[in-house]
């Protein structure tokens, strides 16, 4: 039976953590904290219109 390569698993985990942290940092730069409201549909199932666009 082959022994597990713990160093490889640790490195993969660290890379995934680093990638997730970088994606979060980019989301913060782009959205400014409003990413929950922009992607989520309204309670009646329709998308909300942006405030600056005429309807």
N, C-alpha and C. Protein backbone atom coordinates (compact mmCIF):
# COMPACT_ATOMS: atom_id res chain seq x y z
N UNK A 1 0.84 -1.18 0.00
CA UNK A 1 0.00 0.00 0.00
C UNK A 1 0.89 1.25 0.00
N UNK A 2 0.52 2.21 -0.82
CA UNK A 2 1.31 3.43 -0.93
C UNK A 2 1.00 4.37 0.23
N UNK A 3 2.03 5.06 0.67
CA UNK A 3 1.80 6.01 1.76
C UNK A 3 1.31 7.34 1.19
N UNK A 4 0.53 8.04 1.98
CA UNK A 4 -0.05 9.31 1.53
C UNK A 4 1.01 10.40 1.49
N UNK A 5 0.82 11.29 0.53
CA UNK A 5 1.72 12.42 0.38
C UNK A 5 1.08 13.63 1.05
N UNK A 6 1.35 13.78 2.33
CA UNK A 6 0.74 14.85 3.10
C UNK A 6 1.21 16.23 2.66
N UNK A 7 2.45 16.32 2.19
CA UNK A 7 2.97 17.60 1.74
C UNK A 7 2.19 18.10 0.52
N UNK A 8 1.82 17.18 -0.38
CA UNK A 8 1.05 17.55 -1.56
C UNK A 8 -0.33 18.04 -1.15
N UNK A 9 -0.97 17.31 -0.25
CA UNK A 9 -2.31 17.70 0.22
C UNK A 9 -2.27 19.07 0.89
N UNK A 10 -1.24 19.29 1.70
CA UNK A 10 -1.11 20.58 2.39
C UNK A 10 -0.92 21.71 1.38
N UNK A 11 -0.09 21.48 0.38
CA UNK A 11 0.17 22.50 -0.65
C UNK A 11 -1.11 22.82 -1.42
N UNK A 12 -1.88 21.80 -1.77
CA UNK A 12 -3.13 22.01 -2.50
C UNK A 12 -4.12 22.81 -1.65
N UNK A 13 -4.17 22.51 -0.37
CA UNK A 13 -5.06 23.22 0.54
C UNK A 13 -4.65 24.68 0.65
N UNK A 14 -3.35 24.92 0.75
CA UNK A 14 -2.84 26.29 0.84
C UNK A 14 -3.13 27.08 -0.44
N UNK A 15 -2.98 26.42 -1.60
CA UNK A 15 -3.27 27.08 -2.87
C UNK A 15 -4.75 27.43 -2.99
N UNK A 16 -5.61 26.54 -2.57
CA UNK A 16 -7.05 26.80 -2.62
C UNK A 16 -7.42 27.96 -1.69
N UNK A 17 -6.81 27.98 -0.52
CA UNK A 17 -7.06 29.06 0.44
C UNK A 17 -6.60 30.40 -0.12
N UNK A 18 -5.43 30.40 -0.74
CA UNK A 18 -4.87 31.62 -1.33
C UNK A 18 -5.76 32.13 -2.47
N UNK A 19 -6.24 31.20 -3.30
CA UNK A 19 -7.11 31.57 -4.43
C UNK A 19 -8.42 32.16 -3.92
N UNK A 20 -9.00 31.54 -2.91
CA UNK A 20 -10.26 32.03 -2.35
C UNK A 20 -10.08 33.42 -1.75
N UNK A 21 -8.97 33.62 -1.06
CA UNK A 21 -8.69 34.92 -0.45
C UNK A 21 -8.52 36.00 -1.51
N UNK A 22 -7.85 35.67 -2.61
CA UNK A 22 -7.65 36.62 -3.70
C UNK A 22 -8.97 36.97 -4.37
N UNK A 23 -9.84 35.96 -4.59
CA UNK A 23 -11.15 36.22 -5.18
C UNK A 23 -11.99 37.12 -4.28
N UNK A 24 -11.91 36.90 -2.99
CA UNK A 24 -12.65 37.73 -2.04
C UNK A 24 -12.14 39.16 -2.08
N UNK A 25 -10.82 39.33 -2.16
CA UNK A 25 -10.23 40.65 -2.23
C UNK A 25 -10.70 41.39 -3.49
N UNK A 26 -10.74 40.68 -4.62
CA UNK A 26 -11.18 41.30 -5.87
C UNK A 26 -12.66 41.67 -5.80
N UNK A 27 -13.48 40.82 -5.19
CA UNK A 27 -14.91 41.12 -5.04
C UNK A 27 -15.10 42.38 -4.20
N UNK A 28 -14.30 42.52 -3.15
CA UNK A 28 -14.41 43.70 -2.30
C UNK A 28 -14.03 44.96 -3.07
N UNK A 29 -13.00 44.87 -3.91
CA UNK A 29 -12.58 46.03 -4.70
C UNK A 29 -13.66 46.42 -5.70
N UNK A 30 -14.28 45.45 -6.34
CA UNK A 30 -15.28 45.74 -7.38
C UNK A 30 -16.61 46.18 -6.79
N UNK A 31 -17.12 45.42 -5.82
CA UNK A 31 -18.47 45.65 -5.35
C UNK A 31 -18.62 46.67 -4.25
N UNK A 32 -17.70 46.75 -3.38
CA UNK A 32 -17.84 47.66 -2.25
C UNK A 32 -18.78 47.14 -1.19
N UNK A 33 -19.08 45.83 -1.20
CA UNK A 33 -19.91 45.24 -0.16
C UNK A 33 -21.36 45.03 -0.53
N UNK A 34 -21.77 45.34 -1.76
CA UNK A 34 -23.16 45.19 -2.16
C UNK A 34 -23.39 43.97 -3.05
N UNK A 35 -22.49 42.99 -3.03
CA UNK A 35 -22.65 41.84 -3.91
C UNK A 35 -23.87 41.00 -3.57
N UNK A 36 -24.35 41.01 -2.35
CA UNK A 36 -25.52 40.24 -1.97
C UNK A 36 -26.77 40.78 -2.65
N UNK A 37 -26.91 42.09 -2.72
CA UNK A 37 -28.12 42.70 -3.26
C UNK A 37 -28.13 42.71 -4.78
N UNK A 38 -26.99 42.80 -5.44
CA UNK A 38 -26.97 42.91 -6.89
C UNK A 38 -27.28 41.59 -7.58
N UNK A 39 -26.87 40.46 -7.03
CA UNK A 39 -27.08 39.17 -7.66
C UNK A 39 -28.37 38.50 -7.23
N UNK A 40 -28.88 38.84 -6.07
CA UNK A 40 -30.08 38.18 -5.55
C UNK A 40 -31.33 38.78 -6.18
N UNK A 41 -32.29 37.91 -6.57
CA UNK A 41 -33.54 38.44 -7.12
C UNK A 41 -34.39 39.05 -6.02
N UNK A 42 -35.31 39.93 -6.41
CA UNK A 42 -36.22 40.55 -5.46
C UNK A 42 -37.19 39.50 -4.92
N UNK A 43 -37.92 39.85 -3.89
CA UNK A 43 -38.81 38.89 -3.24
C UNK A 43 -39.93 38.43 -4.16
N UNK A 44 -40.32 39.23 -5.16
CA UNK A 44 -41.37 38.82 -6.07
C UNK A 44 -40.83 38.05 -7.28
N UNK A 45 -39.55 37.78 -7.31
CA UNK A 45 -38.95 36.96 -8.36
C UNK A 45 -38.36 37.78 -9.50
N UNK A 46 -38.51 39.08 -9.51
CA UNK A 46 -37.95 39.91 -10.56
C UNK A 46 -36.67 40.56 -10.07
N UNK A 47 -35.80 40.90 -11.03
CA UNK A 47 -34.56 41.57 -10.69
C UNK A 47 -34.84 43.03 -10.40
N UNK A 48 -34.11 43.59 -9.47
CA UNK A 48 -34.26 45.00 -9.13
C UNK A 48 -33.57 45.85 -10.19
N UNK A 49 -34.15 46.98 -10.52
CA UNK A 49 -33.55 47.90 -11.46
C UNK A 49 -32.53 48.77 -10.72
N UNK A 50 -31.41 49.08 -11.35
CA UNK A 50 -30.44 49.98 -10.72
C UNK A 50 -31.07 51.34 -10.48
N UNK A 51 -30.62 52.03 -9.47
CA UNK A 51 -31.20 53.32 -9.09
C UNK A 51 -30.97 54.41 -10.13
N UNK A 52 -29.86 54.33 -10.86
CA UNK A 52 -29.54 55.40 -11.80
C UNK A 52 -30.15 55.21 -13.18
N UNK A 53 -30.84 54.11 -13.45
CA UNK A 53 -31.42 53.89 -14.76
C UNK A 53 -32.90 54.29 -14.77
N UNK A 54 -33.34 54.97 -15.82
CA UNK A 54 -34.75 55.35 -15.92
C UNK A 54 -35.60 54.13 -16.24
N UNK A 55 -36.80 54.11 -15.72
CA UNK A 55 -37.70 52.97 -15.97
C UNK A 55 -38.91 53.45 -16.74
